[in-house]
């Protein structure tokens, strides 16, 4: 969280609060992390932990430790190096990198620039041709997995964005002093156009949004009528691992598996969508008990410590993903910041494995964890 404080100093107020904020009273946002406190780790003593193996597999790919980069939009909002800095750091730590439809680096550039396994997060647009074009581009660029976000039929009520003017794109008077204290950021946005929605623009002909901005066009293409039949259609279009992000119940995860998905990201969108939704970590055990043999399970939300990763895996997750966990370090120090943040987290995972008495990720299970106050 030290990175968060540095990010707060380095970013204009509207941008920091866009990164940092959640929906409504931000209960779900806070709960995502605090929920980990409801679980205790049960160490198994006198086991040989002279060597700890963090390696595992996800989407059929070998990774060096069970944490992946979650897809987040517009990384250049937070640092000029944006997605490229995160890719370089993720490569160094043997992770899976995820690119958002709302990223500021193209599918093709990520494909050429990224040597580690890649996942692309997309939406099923009203114009299915637009979605099919993005899928074809991902195949050509060597992306391993496709991720469909399903928890955004409408945007959540992110009140901080309204307070500081980010939601409307017209910054409030209270934000002006902060913006003026960050002239470099202002130059990049106003002159350099670093925040263009390059992936959407590359798949859309200019005359399709001639009378609106690319962001307005994106919003007009979000389809609130999507059903699991559309997931079946998407599975037919994609011949690799298919991940559904934003599900939290056993019923929805079973629907995902039945529709052709191979993995789920248990997520409430970082507490930015439905206020009152459960923390992802609280959803793991039920989903794992019901569907561990049909789906890979990723805990997406609230991960700030190595012990959080251990707890999620002990309850049945295959991996965790981080969003703010790398965006705060990115804002604080670019690639060097992300590398430092990842190094700290990885060290915590390895240390916690040794302290819990387990020498391999594959051996983590329910014997290592219990809910607080429940006797074993």
Protein backbone atom coordinates (compact mmCIF):
# COMPACT_ATOMS: atom_id res chain seq x y z
CA UNK A 1 0.00 0.00 0.00
CA UNK A 2 3.07 2.26 0.08
CA UNK A 3 2.84 2.23 -3.73
CA UNK A 4 -0.71 3.55 -3.39
CA UNK A 5 0.51 6.57 -1.47
CA UNK A 6 3.19 7.31 -4.06
CA UNK A 7 0.62 6.93 -6.85
CA UNK A 8 -1.63 9.42 -5.07
CA UNK A 9 1.17 12.01 -5.15
CA UNK A 10 2.13 11.36 -8.76
CA UNK A 11 -1.30 11.32 -10.38
CA UNK A 12 -3.85 14.12 -10.89
CA UNK A 13 -6.67 13.70 -8.38
CA UNK A 14 -9.33 12.55 -10.90
CA UNK A 15 -7.02 9.85 -12.25
CA UNK A 16 -5.96 8.58 -8.85
CA UNK A 17 -9.55 8.34 -7.67
CA UNK A 18 -10.54 6.55 -10.89
CA UNK A 19 -7.87 3.95 -10.09
CA UNK A 20 -8.55 3.83 -6.37
CA UNK A 21 -12.33 4.09 -6.14
CA UNK A 22 -15.24 1.67 -6.07
CA UNK A 23 -19.01 1.83 -6.41
CA UNK A 24 -21.45 3.54 -4.04
CA UNK A 25 -20.14 3.37 -0.44
CA UNK A 26 -17.20 1.17 -1.58
CA UNK A 27 -18.10 -1.64 0.83
CA UNK A 28 -17.45 -4.35 -1.76
CA UNK A 29 -14.17 -2.68 -2.71
CA UNK A 30 -12.96 -2.79 0.90
CA UNK A 31 -14.44 -6.22 1.53
CA UNK A 32 -12.45 -7.76 -1.32
CA UNK A 33 -9.31 -7.48 0.79
CA UNK A 34 -10.71 -7.61 4.31
CA UNK A 35 -12.50 -10.90 3.55
CA UNK A 36 -9.13 -12.66 3.55
CA UNK A 37 -8.96 -11.88 7.28
CA UNK A 38 -11.87 -14.27 7.86
CA UNK A 39 -9.62 -17.24 7.09
CA UNK A 40 -6.72 -18.67 9.05
CA UNK A 41 -3.78 -20.64 7.70
CA UNK A 42 -2.99 -23.91 9.49
CA UNK A 43 0.75 -24.65 9.30
CA UNK A 44 1.97 -28.22 9.02
CA UNK A 45 5.22 -28.27 10.98
CA UNK A 46 8.41 -30.30 10.50
CA UNK A 47 8.06 -30.67 6.75
CA UNK A 48 11.06 -30.25 4.46
CA UNK A 49 10.65 -26.79 2.92
CA UNK A 50 14.30 -26.26 2.02
CA UNK A 51 13.07 -25.91 -1.56
CA UNK A 52 9.69 -24.40 -2.41
CA UNK A 53 8.20 -24.96 -5.87
CA UNK A 54 5.84 -22.18 -6.97
CA UNK A 55 5.54 -23.35 -10.58
CA UNK A 56 2.12 -24.36 -11.87
CA UNK A 57 0.05 -24.38 -15.06
CA UNK A 58 -2.82 -22.18 -16.21
CA UNK A 59 -4.63 -22.32 -19.56
CA UNK A 60 -2.30 -25.22 -20.40
CA UNK A 61 0.74 -22.96 -20.04
CA UNK A 62 3.57 -23.30 -17.53
CA UNK A 63 3.93 -20.26 -15.26
CA UNK A 64 6.52 -19.52 -12.60
CA UNK A 65 4.03 -18.77 -9.82
CA UNK A 66 0.23 -18.76 -9.44
CA UNK A 67 -0.43 -15.04 -10.02
CA UNK A 68 -1.45 -13.46 -13.33
CA UNK A 69 -1.88 -9.91 -14.61
CA UNK A 70 -5.56 -9.01 -14.73
CA UNK A 71 -6.87 -6.99 -17.70
CA UNK A 72 -7.22 -3.29 -16.91
CA UNK A 73 -8.04 -0.47 -19.29
CA UNK A 74 -5.83 2.44 -20.31
CA UNK A 75 -2.61 1.72 -18.44
CA UNK A 76 -1.11 4.91 -19.89
CA UNK A 77 -3.50 6.85 -17.68
CA UNK A 78 -1.19 5.95 -14.84
CA UNK A 79 2.27 6.04 -16.45
CA UNK A 80 3.62 7.00 -19.87
CA UNK A 81 5.07 3.51 -20.41
CA UNK A 82 1.67 1.86 -19.86
CA UNK A 83 1.14 -1.71 -21.00
CA UNK A 84 4.69 -2.09 -22.27
CA UNK A 85 6.12 -1.58 -18.76
CA UNK A 86 3.74 -4.16 -17.31
CA UNK A 87 4.59 -6.68 -20.05
CA UNK A 88 8.33 -6.32 -19.41
CA UNK A 89 7.82 -6.83 -15.68
CA UNK A 90 5.48 -9.80 -16.17
CA UNK A 91 8.00 -11.43 -18.51
CA UNK A 92 10.68 -11.14 -15.86
CA UNK A 93 8.44 -12.94 -13.36
CA UNK A 94 7.08 -15.65 -15.67
CA UNK A 95 3.42 -14.62 -15.54
CA UNK A 96 0.45 -14.55 -17.89
CA UNK A 97 -0.27 -11.05 -19.23
CA UNK A 98 -3.81 -9.84 -20.02
CA UNK A 99 -4.70 -7.03 -22.43
CA UNK A 100 -7.98 -5.15 -22.16
CA UNK A 101 -10.17 -4.10 -25.06
CA UNK A 102 -9.78 -0.64 -23.54
CA UNK A 103 -5.99 -0.90 -23.48
CA UNK A 104 -3.70 1.72 -24.99
CA UNK A 105 -1.55 -0.81 -26.85
CA UNK A 106 -2.77 -2.75 -29.88
CA UNK A 107 -3.33 -6.48 -30.04
CA UNK A 108 -0.68 -6.68 -32.74
CA UNK A 109 1.92 -4.70 -30.78
CA UNK A 110 1.38 -6.84 -27.68
CA UNK A 111 1.66 -9.97 -29.81
CA UNK A 112 4.99 -8.80 -31.21
CA UNK A 113 6.28 -7.38 -27.92
CA UNK A 114 5.24 -10.09 -25.45
CA UNK A 115 7.00 -13.46 -25.17
CA UNK A 116 4.88 -14.84 -22.30
CA UNK A 117 1.38 -16.37 -22.62
CA UNK A 118 -1.23 -13.70 -23.39
CA UNK A 119 -4.95 -13.36 -22.71
CA UNK A 120 -7.25 -10.84 -24.38
CA UNK A 121 -10.28 -9.47 -22.54
CA UNK A 122 -13.16 -8.53 -24.82
CA UNK A 123 -16.86 -7.81 -24.95
CA UNK A 124 -19.49 -9.35 -27.21
CA UNK A 125 -20.60 -6.22 -29.04
CA UNK A 126 -23.95 -5.59 -30.70
CA UNK A 127 -22.02 -5.67 -33.95
CA UNK A 128 -20.86 -9.31 -33.90
CA UNK A 129 -18.58 -8.53 -36.83
CA UNK A 130 -16.58 -6.22 -34.56
CA UNK A 131 -16.16 -9.01 -31.99
CA UNK A 132 -15.20 -11.53 -34.70
CA UNK A 133 -12.59 -9.13 -36.07
CA UNK A 134 -10.97 -8.81 -32.63
CA UNK A 135 -10.96 -12.59 -32.24
CA UNK A 136 -9.25 -13.01 -35.62
CA UNK A 137 -6.64 -10.43 -34.64
CA UNK A 138 -5.97 -12.26 -31.36
CA UNK A 139 -5.48 -15.55 -33.19
CA UNK A 140 -3.06 -13.94 -35.64
CA UNK A 141 -1.13 -12.27 -32.79
CA UNK A 142 -0.67 -15.52 -30.86
CA UNK A 143 -2.92 -14.90 -27.86
CA UNK A 144 -3.42 -18.04 -25.79
CA UNK A 145 -6.72 -17.30 -24.05
CA UNK A 146 -9.79 -15.16 -24.52
CA UNK A 147 -11.63 -13.56 -21.58
CA UNK A 148 -15.23 -12.35 -21.69
CA UNK A 149 -16.24 -9.80 -19.04
CA UNK A 150 -19.90 -10.33 -18.12
CA UNK A 151 -20.54 -8.03 -15.13
CA UNK A 152 -20.85 -4.71 -16.98
CA UNK A 153 -24.31 -4.47 -18.56
CA UNK A 154 -24.15 -0.90 -17.24
CA UNK A 155 -21.37 0.97 -15.44
CA UNK A 156 -21.40 0.88 -11.66
CA UNK A 157 -22.11 4.01 -9.63
CA UNK A 158 -18.53 5.11 -9.09
CA UNK A 159 -19.21 8.23 -7.09
CA UNK A 160 -15.62 9.43 -6.90
CA UNK A 161 -15.59 9.67 -10.70
CA UNK A 162 -18.60 11.97 -10.54
CA UNK A 163 -17.13 14.06 -7.73
CA UNK A 164 -13.91 14.70 -9.66
CA UNK A 165 -15.47 14.84 -13.11
CA UNK A 166 -13.81 11.76 -14.58
CA UNK A 167 -17.15 10.11 -15.38
CA UNK A 168 -18.21 12.94 -17.68
CA UNK A 169 -14.80 13.81 -19.11
CA UNK A 170 -15.29 17.38 -17.85
CA UNK A 171 -13.13 17.82 -14.79
CA UNK A 172 -14.64 19.69 -11.86
CA UNK A 173 -13.26 22.99 -10.65
CA UNK A 174 -11.88 21.27 -7.56
CA UNK A 175 -9.69 19.10 -9.85
CA UNK A 176 -8.04 21.99 -11.71
CA UNK A 177 -5.21 22.68 -9.19
CA UNK A 178 -4.25 19.02 -9.16
CA UNK A 179 -4.26 18.82 -12.97
CA UNK A 180 -2.08 21.93 -13.22
CA UNK A 181 0.44 20.35 -10.85
CA UNK A 182 0.88 17.52 -13.35
CA UNK A 183 1.72 19.21 -16.68
CA UNK A 184 3.45 16.12 -18.06
CA UNK A 185 0.29 14.09 -17.68
CA UNK A 186 -1.76 16.86 -19.28
CA UNK A 187 0.61 17.04 -22.25
CA UNK A 188 0.41 13.30 -22.89
CA UNK A 189 -3.36 13.32 -22.85
CA UNK A 190 -4.07 16.55 -24.73
CA UNK A 191 -1.15 16.60 -27.18
CA UNK A 192 0.26 13.10 -27.31
CA UNK A 193 -3.17 11.40 -27.38
CA UNK A 194 -1.75 8.54 -25.34
CA UNK A 195 -5.20 7.39 -24.25
CA UNK A 196 -6.72 6.58 -27.63
CA UNK A 197 -8.78 3.35 -27.64
CA UNK A 198 -6.44 1.80 -30.19
CA UNK A 199 -7.88 -1.71 -30.30
CA UNK A 200 -11.43 -0.58 -30.92
CA UNK A 201 -10.31 2.00 -33.46
CA UNK A 202 -8.31 -0.64 -35.35
CA UNK A 203 -11.41 -2.83 -35.78
CA UNK A 204 -13.86 -0.08 -36.70
CA UNK A 205 -14.09 1.88 -39.93
CA UNK A 206 -14.00 5.65 -39.30
CA UNK A 207 -17.38 6.20 -40.94
CA UNK A 208 -18.99 3.91 -38.34
CA UNK A 209 -18.48 6.49 -35.61
CA UNK A 210 -18.14 9.66 -37.68
CA UNK A 211 -20.76 11.52 -35.64
CA UNK A 212 -19.51 10.39 -32.21
CA UNK A 213 -16.30 9.82 -30.27
CA UNK A 214 -14.73 6.37 -30.16
CA UNK A 215 -15.74 6.14 -26.48
CA UNK A 216 -19.34 6.99 -27.32
CA UNK A 217 -19.23 4.34 -30.04
CA UNK A 218 -17.89 1.78 -27.56
CA UNK A 219 -20.69 2.56 -25.10
CA UNK A 220 -23.26 2.28 -27.88
CA UNK A 221 -21.96 -1.20 -28.74
CA UNK A 222 -22.28 -2.71 -25.25
CA UNK A 223 -25.05 -5.30 -25.47
CA UNK A 224 -27.30 -5.60 -22.42
CA UNK A 225 -29.24 -8.48 -24.00
CA UNK A 226 -26.40 -11.02 -23.76
CA UNK A 227 -27.22 -14.54 -22.53
CA UNK A 228 -25.33 -17.80 -22.16
CA UNK A 229 -26.24 -18.54 -25.79
CA UNK A 230 -23.86 -15.74 -26.73
CA UNK A 231 -21.11 -17.44 -24.71
CA UNK A 232 -21.77 -20.62 -26.70
CA UNK A 233 -21.39 -18.55 -29.88
CA UNK A 234 -18.12 -17.10 -28.60
CA UNK A 235 -16.78 -20.55 -27.72
CA UNK A 236 -17.46 -21.62 -31.31
CA UNK A 237 -15.46 -18.66 -32.63
CA UNK A 238 -12.45 -19.30 -30.38
CA UNK A 239 -10.44 -22.51 -30.42
CA UNK A 240 -8.48 -22.01 -27.18
CA UNK A 241 -9.05 -21.48 -23.46
CA UNK A 242 -12.13 -19.33 -22.82
CA UNK A 243 -12.39 -17.45 -19.53
CA UNK A 244 -15.55 -15.87 -18.09
CA UNK A 245 -14.77 -12.92 -15.82
CA UNK A 246 -17.32 -11.52 -13.38
CA UNK A 247 -19.17 -14.64 -12.20
CA UNK A 248 -19.50 -15.43 -8.48
CA UNK A 249 -22.12 -18.16 -7.98
CA UNK A 250 -21.95 -21.90 -8.53
CA UNK A 251 -24.94 -21.63 -10.87
CA UNK A 252 -23.24 -19.07 -13.12
CA UNK A 253 -19.98 -21.00 -13.11
CA UNK A 254 -21.85 -24.17 -14.10
CA UNK A 255 -23.55 -22.21 -16.89
CA UNK A 256 -20.12 -21.04 -18.01
CA UNK A 257 -18.81 -24.59 -18.18
CA UNK A 258 -21.92 -25.78 -20.03
CA UNK A 259 -21.52 -22.94 -22.55
CA UNK A 260 -17.95 -23.95 -23.39
CA UNK A 261 -15.79 -21.93 -20.98
CA UNK A 262 -12.67 -23.56 -19.58
CA UNK A 263 -12.01 -21.11 -16.73
CA UNK A 264 -13.72 -18.51 -14.57
CA UNK A 265 -12.43 -15.38 -12.88
CA UNK A 266 -14.40 -15.02 -9.66
CA UNK A 267 -14.67 -11.24 -9.59
CA UNK A 268 -16.84 -8.28 -8.63
CA UNK A 269 -14.83 -5.98 -10.91
CA UNK A 270 -12.68 -4.70 -8.08
CA UNK A 271 -15.77 -3.49 -6.21
CA UNK A 272 -16.54 -1.10 -9.07
CA UNK A 273 -19.85 -2.59 -10.27
CA UNK A 274 -22.52 -4.07 -7.96
CA UNK A 275 -22.21 -2.75 -4.42
CA UNK A 276 -22.90 -5.54 -1.94
CA UNK A 277 -21.53 -8.31 -4.14
CA UNK A 278 -19.47 -10.90 -2.24
CA UNK A 279 -15.70 -10.85 -2.11
CA UNK A 280 -14.19 -13.27 -4.66
CA UNK A 281 -12.31 -15.19 -1.97
CA UNK A 282 -15.63 -16.02 -0.30
CA UNK A 283 -16.85 -17.65 -3.51
CA UNK A 284 -13.94 -20.03 -4.10
CA UNK A 285 -14.78 -22.99 -1.88
CA UNK A 286 -18.33 -23.55 -3.17
CA UNK A 287 -17.29 -23.23 -6.82
CA UNK A 288 -14.27 -25.49 -6.33
CA UNK A 289 -16.35 -28.16 -4.57
CA UNK A 290 -18.87 -28.20 -7.41
CA UNK A 291 -16.76 -27.63 -10.51
CA UNK A 292 -13.03 -28.14 -9.86
CA UNK A 293 -12.95 -30.94 -12.43
CA UNK A 294 -14.54 -28.78 -15.15
CA UNK A 295 -13.09 -25.29 -14.74
CA UNK A 296 -9.90 -23.55 -13.76
CA UNK A 297 -10.67 -21.03 -11.01
CA UNK A 298 -8.99 -17.63 -10.68
CA UNK A 299 -9.54 -15.37 -7.67
CA UNK A 300 -9.70 -11.83 -9.04
CA UNK A 301 -9.99 -9.11 -6.44
CA UNK A 302 -8.44 -7.81 -3.24
CA UNK A 303 -5.12 -9.66 -3.41
CA UNK A 304 -2.51 -7.55 -1.63
CA UNK A 305 -0.39 -10.09 0.25
CA UNK A 306 1.34 -13.39 -0.36
CA UNK A 307 -0.83 -14.98 2.32
CA UNK A 308 -3.89 -13.95 0.31
CA UNK A 309 -2.61 -16.03 -2.60
CA UNK A 310 -1.95 -19.02 -0.33
CA UNK A 311 -5.43 -18.79 1.19
CA UNK A 312 -7.13 -18.63 -2.21
CA UNK A 313 -5.21 -21.63 -3.52
CA UNK A 314 -5.81 -23.64 -0.35
CA UNK A 315 -9.56 -23.13 -0.84
CA UNK A 316 -9.42 -24.45 -4.40
CA UNK A 317 -8.36 -21.65 -6.75
CA UNK A 318 -5.83 -22.45 -9.45
CA UNK A 319 -4.40 -18.92 -9.44
CA UNK A 320 -4.99 -15.32 -8.40
CA UNK A 321 -4.97 -12.22 -10.55
CA UNK A 322 -4.02 -8.69 -9.61
CA UNK A 323 -5.19 -5.32 -10.97
CA UNK A 324 -4.56 -2.50 -8.52
CA UNK A 325 -1.75 -4.70 -7.21
CA UNK A 326 0.32 -3.75 -10.26
CA UNK A 327 -1.34 -0.45 -11.22
CA UNK A 328 -0.32 1.30 -7.99
CA UNK A 329 3.34 0.30 -8.57
CA UNK A 330 3.04 1.29 -12.26
CA UNK A 331 1.85 4.77 -11.30
CA UNK A 332 4.55 4.99 -8.66
CA UNK A 333 7.53 4.04 -10.82
CA UNK A 334 6.78 2.62 -14.26
CA UNK A 335 8.40 -0.72 -15.09
CA UNK A 336 10.77 -0.52 -12.11
CA UNK A 337 7.78 0.04 -9.84
CA UNK A 338 5.89 -2.95 -11.22
CA UNK A 339 8.96 -5.15 -10.91
CA UNK A 340 9.45 -4.08 -7.31
CA UNK A 341 5.80 -4.72 -6.48
CA UNK A 342 5.83 -8.16 -8.11
CA UNK A 343 9.10 -9.07 -6.39
CA UNK A 344 7.66 -8.20 -2.98
CA UNK A 345 4.51 -10.22 -3.64
CA UNK A 346 6.37 -13.22 -5.01
CA UNK A 347 8.76 -13.23 -2.04
CA UNK A 348 5.76 -13.17 0.29
CA UNK A 349 4.18 -16.14 -1.49
CA UNK A 350 7.38 -18.18 -1.26
CA UNK A 351 7.99 -17.23 2.38
CA UNK A 352 4.39 -18.02 3.33
CA UNK A 353 4.62 -21.41 1.64
CA UNK A 354 7.64 -22.28 3.76
CA UNK A 355 5.99 -21.02 6.95
CA UNK A 356 2.81 -22.98 6.29
CA UNK A 357 4.92 -26.10 5.77
CA UNK A 358 4.14 -26.80 2.12
CA UNK A 359 6.90 -27.21 -0.48
CA UNK A 360 4.77 -27.17 -3.65
CA UNK A 361 1.78 -25.24 -4.95
CA UNK A 362 0.28 -28.53 -6.10
CA UNK A 363 0.08 -29.73 -2.48
CA UNK A 364 -1.95 -26.81 -1.12
CA UNK A 365 -5.42 -27.85 -0.04
CA UNK A 366 -8.15 -27.56 2.57
CA UNK A 367 -5.99 -29.01 5.36
CA UNK A 368 -4.02 -25.75 5.37
CA UNK A 369 -6.96 -23.40 5.97
CA UNK A 370 -10.06 -22.86 8.08
CA UNK A 371 -12.58 -20.08 8.64
CA UNK A 372 -11.82 -18.06 11.78
CA UNK A 373 -13.61 -19.34 14.83
CA UNK A 374 -14.35 -22.75 13.31
CA UNK A 375 -12.60 -25.65 15.05
CA UNK A 376 -10.81 -28.21 12.90
